[in-house]
Amino acid sequence: MEATVLEFHLEYNPNRKNPAEVFHAMGNFISAYQEMGQIIAEAVDSEMIFDVELQEVTHGSILAKLLLKVEEWTRPDDLFRELTGEMSQKEQVQHVTNKERIRLKKEMHKRGRSNPLDPYISDLDVALVAEKWSEGNKKLMPDEYLKVCNEGTELAEVIPFDPNFRFTGNVKKMFSSDQGHFDGEEIVEVFKPCKKATSKWEVISTRTNKRYCAEICHKKWLEDYLNSEIRLGGSDYLRVHAEYDVVVEKGEERIKNAKIKEIKEVITYRGTQNEIPT
């Protein structure tokens, strides 16, 4: 698949007193865009790779270029276009989530990839991404805004995202009845490792048999793995200290906001299915 170069243009006031805030805002926008893109890719069983490079800074504008290997229809732009005005209620989050699910289902049908189940996107994930996008907007001055487009697009024809969007809800209270929390040791099977320091790993807990994506926060271990000083076989397990929320949606438990805080041991599995470590 050919890579697409996506441009984030953040128009800012060159006379602002705190120019560093503009870079912080850009960080919020790119992080939220990347997270939502990964959520959509997972929902439709696609793969998405983001390579982010801050390429150039010009007077009155910051330009960041993202190299994407992605199916065009899985980009999250449409969802972010829905983030306008104020979002304070769970029902507003659900409205945005449902519109994106419907869009993805139609796109999958066009491509002969229909599934009897709708593409699953969590309301909680959308709320967290909207909150991060809002944090970026809060750092902007009234005459500043963000545009996202493919490289080479005529910038004057690109409609900016709503810089006045604010997420004013409380995510914890909004989803409080749906959440549990785990913070402790468990053994996980590595379902999909990543060769990038910023990417999340997909693992399966042998304790609950639940699959989830987690950030590896044990940086020294991750560095050794990326440098091939630690190797994992196809049948290896990890004893880890993990932390995550357990969310109940549509009657099913799902793991969200997962972090692997420490990797304590690599367990080489040589037994039978009934002897999988737990």
Protein backbone atom coordinates (compact mmCIF):
# COMPACT_ATOMS: atom_id res chain seq x y z
CA MET A 1 0.00 0.00 0.00
CA GLU A 2 1.38 3.40 -0.98
CA ALA A 3 2.00 5.88 1.79
CA THR A 4 -0.03 9.08 1.96
CA VAL A 5 1.55 12.27 3.25
CA LEU A 6 -0.96 14.07 5.45
CA GLU A 7 -0.36 17.69 6.42
CA PHE A 8 -1.44 19.34 9.66
CA HIS A 9 -1.46 23.12 9.18
CA LEU A 10 -1.88 25.07 12.41
CA GLU A 11 -2.39 28.74 11.66
CA TYR A 12 -1.34 30.80 14.65
CA ASN A 13 -0.90 34.43 15.60
CA PRO A 14 2.84 35.25 15.25
CA ASN A 15 2.43 37.96 17.89
CA ARG A 16 1.15 35.61 20.60
CA LYS A 17 3.05 35.90 23.90
CA ASN A 18 3.41 32.15 24.49
CA PRO A 19 4.33 30.51 21.16
CA ALA A 20 5.29 27.24 22.91
CA GLU A 21 1.58 26.61 23.55
CA VAL A 22 1.06 26.25 19.80
CA PHE A 23 3.41 23.27 19.72
CA HIS A 24 1.62 21.76 22.71
CA ALA A 25 -1.70 22.19 20.88
CA MET A 26 -0.28 20.51 17.77
CA GLY A 27 0.85 17.62 19.97
CA ASN A 28 -2.70 17.22 21.30
CA PHE A 29 -4.19 17.24 17.80
CA ILE A 30 -1.76 14.72 16.33
CA SER A 31 -2.02 12.41 19.35
CA ALA A 32 -5.84 12.47 19.24
CA TYR A 33 -5.84 11.90 15.47
CA GLN A 34 -3.46 8.96 15.80
CA GLU A 35 -5.45 7.37 18.64
CA MET A 36 -8.74 7.67 16.77
CA GLY A 37 -7.16 6.30 13.62
CA GLN A 38 -5.92 3.25 15.51
CA ILE A 39 -9.36 2.73 17.07
CA ILE A 40 -11.02 2.81 13.63
CA ALA A 41 -8.38 0.51 12.14
CA GLU A 42 -8.99 -2.01 14.91
CA ALA A 43 -12.78 -1.73 14.44
CA VAL A 44 -12.58 -2.67 10.74
CA ASP A 45 -9.67 -5.14 11.03
CA SER A 46 -7.33 -2.88 9.08
CA GLU A 47 -3.74 -1.99 9.89
CA MET A 48 -2.52 1.57 10.19
CA ILE A 49 1.01 2.85 10.64
CA PHE A 50 1.71 6.46 11.62
CA ASP A 51 5.16 7.96 11.17
CA VAL A 52 5.09 11.51 12.49
CA GLU A 53 7.69 14.06 11.48
CA LEU A 54 7.65 17.79 12.22
CA GLN A 55 8.97 18.96 8.88
CA GLU A 56 8.85 22.71 8.76
CA VAL A 57 7.87 25.83 10.68
CA THR A 58 6.92 28.99 8.79
CA HIS A 59 6.00 32.47 9.92
CA GLY A 60 2.48 32.37 11.29
CA SER A 61 2.01 28.66 10.59
CA ILE A 62 3.24 25.31 11.86
CA LEU A 63 3.30 22.45 9.37
CA ALA A 64 3.56 18.85 10.55
CA LYS A 65 3.66 16.02 8.02
CA LEU A 66 2.43 12.52 8.83
CA LEU A 67 3.39 9.57 6.66
CA LEU A 68 0.43 7.19 6.62
CA LYS A 69 0.07 3.66 5.29
CA VAL A 70 -3.67 3.49 5.58
CA GLU A 71 -6.83 2.75 3.67
CA GLU A 72 -8.16 6.23 2.92
CA TRP A 73 -11.68 5.49 4.17
CA THR A 74 -10.41 4.54 7.63
CA ARG A 75 -9.06 8.02 8.36
CA PRO A 76 -10.81 9.70 11.31
CA ASP A 77 -11.37 13.10 9.67
CA ASP A 78 -15.16 12.68 9.46
CA LEU A 79 -15.40 11.98 13.16
CA PHE A 80 -13.39 15.08 14.06
CA ARG A 81 -15.66 17.16 11.79
CA GLU A 82 -18.49 16.15 14.14
CA LEU A 83 -16.70 17.76 17.09
CA THR A 84 -18.36 21.17 17.14
CA GLY A 85 -19.67 23.46 19.85
CA GLU A 86 -19.80 21.97 23.34
CA MET A 87 -19.89 18.29 24.29
CA SER A 88 -20.94 17.64 27.88
CA GLN A 89 -23.34 14.69 27.82
CA LYS A 90 -22.86 10.97 27.22
CA GLU A 91 -25.66 11.09 24.63
CA GLN A 92 -23.63 13.56 22.56
CA VAL A 93 -20.67 11.19 22.60
CA GLN A 94 -22.92 8.30 21.58
CA HIS A 95 -24.32 10.36 18.68
CA VAL A 96 -20.82 10.95 17.27
CA THR A 97 -19.83 7.31 17.81
CA ASN A 98 -22.96 5.99 16.10
CA LYS A 99 -22.47 8.24 13.06
CA GLU A 100 -18.94 6.91 12.65
CA ARG A 101 -20.09 3.30 13.01
CA ILE A 102 -22.72 3.86 10.29
CA ARG A 103 -20.14 5.49 8.00
CA LEU A 104 -17.69 2.61 8.45
CA LYS A 105 -20.39 -0.01 7.90
CA LYS A 106 -21.34 1.65 4.58
CA GLU A 107 -17.69 1.85 3.51
CA MET A 108 -17.14 -1.81 4.36
CA HIS A 109 -20.23 -2.78 2.37
CA LYS A 110 -18.94 -0.87 -0.68
CA ARG A 111 -15.74 -2.90 -0.55
CA GLY A 112 -17.38 -6.27 -0.04
CA ARG A 113 -16.13 -6.46 3.53
CA SER A 114 -19.52 -6.58 5.20
CA ASN A 115 -19.71 -8.12 8.64
CA PRO A 116 -22.89 -9.26 10.42
CA LEU A 117 -21.66 -7.20 13.38
CA ASP A 118 -21.29 -3.43 13.20
CA PRO A 119 -17.72 -2.08 13.44
CA TYR A 120 -17.17 -1.71 17.18
CA ILE A 121 -16.08 1.70 18.46
CA SER A 122 -16.26 2.41 22.17
CA ASP A 123 -18.11 5.51 23.40
CA LEU A 124 -15.46 5.81 26.10
CA ASP A 125 -12.67 5.85 23.51
CA VAL A 126 -14.44 8.59 21.56
CA ALA A 127 -14.95 10.62 24.75
CA LEU A 128 -11.25 10.36 25.65
CA VAL A 129 -10.16 11.36 22.14
CA ALA A 130 -12.64 14.27 22.10
CA GLU A 131 -11.28 15.41 25.45
CA LYS A 132 -7.72 15.42 24.10
CA TRP A 133 -8.79 17.28 20.93
CA SER A 134 -10.53 19.84 23.12
CA GLU A 135 -7.34 20.32 25.14
CA GLY A 136 -5.59 21.29 21.91
CA ASN A 137 -8.32 23.80 21.08
CA LYS A 138 -8.07 25.37 24.54
CA LYS A 139 -4.47 26.34 23.80
CA LEU A 140 -5.45 28.31 20.68
CA MET A 141 -6.17 32.01 20.51
CA PRO A 142 -9.45 33.20 18.89
CA ASP A 143 -7.93 33.68 15.42
CA GLU A 144 -6.04 30.37 15.30
CA TYR A 145 -7.20 27.09 13.74
CA LEU A 146 -6.15 23.70 12.38
CA LYS A 147 -6.48 22.34 8.84
CA VAL A 148 -5.69 18.75 7.81
CA CYS A 149 -5.24 17.75 4.18
CA ASN A 150 -3.23 15.59 1.80
CA GLU A 151 0.10 16.96 0.67
CA GLY A 152 -0.29 19.29 -2.29
CA THR A 153 -3.93 20.19 -1.62
CA GLU A 154 -4.82 23.84 -2.16
CA LEU A 155 -4.94 25.05 1.44
CA ALA A 156 -7.48 27.80 0.73
CA GLU A 157 -10.01 25.11 -0.22
CA VAL A 158 -9.63 23.16 3.04
CA ILE A 159 -12.22 23.78 5.75
CA PRO A 160 -10.64 24.10 9.22
CA PHE A 161 -11.81 22.03 12.15
CA ASP A 162 -13.95 23.89 14.69
CA PRO A 163 -11.48 25.64 17.02
CA ASN A 164 -14.34 26.43 19.41
CA PHE A 165 -15.13 22.79 20.17
CA ARG A 166 -14.95 22.07 23.90
CA PHE A 167 -15.38 18.82 25.76
CA THR A 168 -16.81 19.93 29.11
CA GLY A 169 -18.05 16.59 30.41
CA ASN A 170 -16.41 14.49 33.11
CA VAL A 171 -15.36 11.21 31.49
CA LYS A 172 -15.04 9.32 34.78
CA LYS A 173 -18.52 10.35 35.92
CA MET A 174 -19.95 9.87 32.43
CA PHE A 175 -18.91 6.22 32.40
CA SER A 176 -18.67 5.55 36.15
CA SER A 177 -21.40 2.90 36.18
CA ASP A 178 -19.63 1.00 33.41
CA GLN A 179 -16.13 0.79 34.85
CA GLY A 180 -13.96 -1.44 36.96
CA HIS A 181 -10.21 -1.18 37.41
CA PHE A 182 -7.28 -3.62 37.47
CA ASP A 183 -3.81 -2.78 38.71
CA GLY A 184 -1.63 -5.80 39.33
CA GLU A 185 0.32 -8.74 37.99
CA GLU A 186 -0.88 -11.05 35.24
CA ILE A 187 0.53 -13.21 32.47
CA VAL A 188 -0.17 -12.22 28.89
CA GLU A 189 0.27 -13.87 25.53
CA VAL A 190 1.77 -11.52 22.94
CA PHE A 191 -0.74 -11.44 20.09
CA LYS A 192 0.78 -8.60 18.09
CA PRO A 193 4.07 -6.93 19.16
CA CYS A 194 5.17 -3.67 17.55
CA LYS A 195 8.57 -2.61 16.30
CA LYS A 196 7.95 1.05 17.07
CA ALA A 197 8.53 2.70 20.44
CA THR A 198 5.29 4.72 20.20
CA SER A 199 3.00 1.87 19.16
CA LYS A 200 0.78 -0.26 21.36
CA TRP A 201 1.10 -4.02 21.76
CA GLU A 202 -1.86 -6.34 21.42
CA VAL A 203 -1.90 -9.01 24.14
CA ILE A 204 -4.25 -11.62 25.61
CA SER A 205 -4.61 -12.01 29.37
CA THR A 206 -4.40 -15.66 30.45
CA ARG A 207 -6.30 -14.65 33.59
CA THR A 208 -9.41 -13.40 31.79
CA ASN A 209 -8.80 -14.52 28.19
CA LYS A 210 -9.49 -10.91 27.15
CA ARG A 211 -7.51 -9.33 24.32
CA TYR A 212 -6.42 -5.71 24.68
CA CYS A 213 -3.99 -3.10 23.35
CA ALA A 214 -1.49 -1.67 25.81
CA GLU A 215 1.24 0.93 25.89
CA ILE A 216 4.58 -0.52 27.06
CA CYS A 217 5.73 1.86 29.80
CA HIS A 218 8.77 -0.25 30.77
CA LYS A 219 11.07 1.80 28.53
CA LYS A 220 14.35 -0.02 29.26
CA TRP A 221 12.80 -3.41 28.43
CA LEU A 222 11.18 -1.98 25.28
CA GLU A 223 14.47 -0.45 24.17
CA ASP A 224 16.23 -3.80 24.62
CA TYR A 225 13.48 -5.53 22.63
CA LEU A 226 13.62 -2.99 19.79
CA ASN A 227 17.42 -3.40 19.69
CA SER A 228 16.98 -7.22 19.50
CA GLU A 229 18.70 -7.70 22.86
CA ILE A 230 15.50 -9.41 24.00
CA ARG A 231 13.81 -11.85 21.62
CA LEU A 232 10.31 -13.30 21.80
CA GLY A 233 9.28 -16.58 20.26
CA GLY A 234 5.85 -17.32 18.87
CA SER A 235 4.91 -19.30 21.98
CA ASP A 236 6.35 -16.97 24.62
CA TYR A 237 4.37 -15.25 27.37
CA LEU A 238 5.13 -12.22 29.54
CA ARG A 239 4.65 -11.85 33.28
CA VAL A 240 3.71 -8.18 33.62
CA HIS A 241 2.41 -5.50 35.94
CA ALA A 242 -0.58 -4.16 34.04
CA GLU A 243 -3.12 -1.43 34.75
CA TYR A 244 -6.37 -0.86 32.86
CA ASP A 245 -10.06 -0.03 33.07
CA VAL A 246 -12.69 -2.72 32.57
CA VAL A 247 -15.65 -1.23 30.72
CA VAL A 248 -19.04 -2.88 30.25
CA GLU A 249 -20.64 -1.94 26.94
CA LYS A 250 -23.64 -3.72 25.44
CA GLY A 251 -23.31 -6.34 28.15
CA GLU A 252 -19.72 -7.24 27.27
CA GLU A 253 -16.58 -6.44 29.26
CA ARG A 254 -13.83 -4.65 27.35
CA ILE A 255 -10.40 -3.51 28.49
CA LYS A 256 -9.49 0.14 27.89
CA ASN A 257 -6.70 2.60 28.76
CA ALA A 258 -4.26 -0.27 29.28
CA LYS A 259 -0.65 0.22 30.27
CA ILE A 260 1.99 -2.43 30.90
CA LYS A 261 3.99 -0.73 33.62
CA GLU A 262 6.65 -3.41 34.04
CA ILE A 263 7.67 -6.61 32.29
CA LYS A 264 8.90 -8.94 34.99
CA GLU A 265 9.69 -12.09 33.03
CA VAL A 266 9.60 -13.73 29.61
CA ILE A 267 8.04 -17.19 29.95
CA THR A 268 8.94 -19.67 27.23
CA TYR A 269 5.98 -21.99 26.80
CA ARG A 270 6.74 -25.58 25.80
CA GLY A 271 3.67 -27.44 27.11
CA THR A 272 0.18 -28.31 25.95
CA GLN A 273 -2.92 -26.13 25.68
CA ASN A 274 -4.00 -27.20 29.17
CA GLU A 275 -0.68 -26.04 30.63
CA ILE A 276 -0.79 -22.43 29.46
CA PRO A 277 0.64 -20.28 32.30
CA THR A 278 -1.84 -18.22 34.33
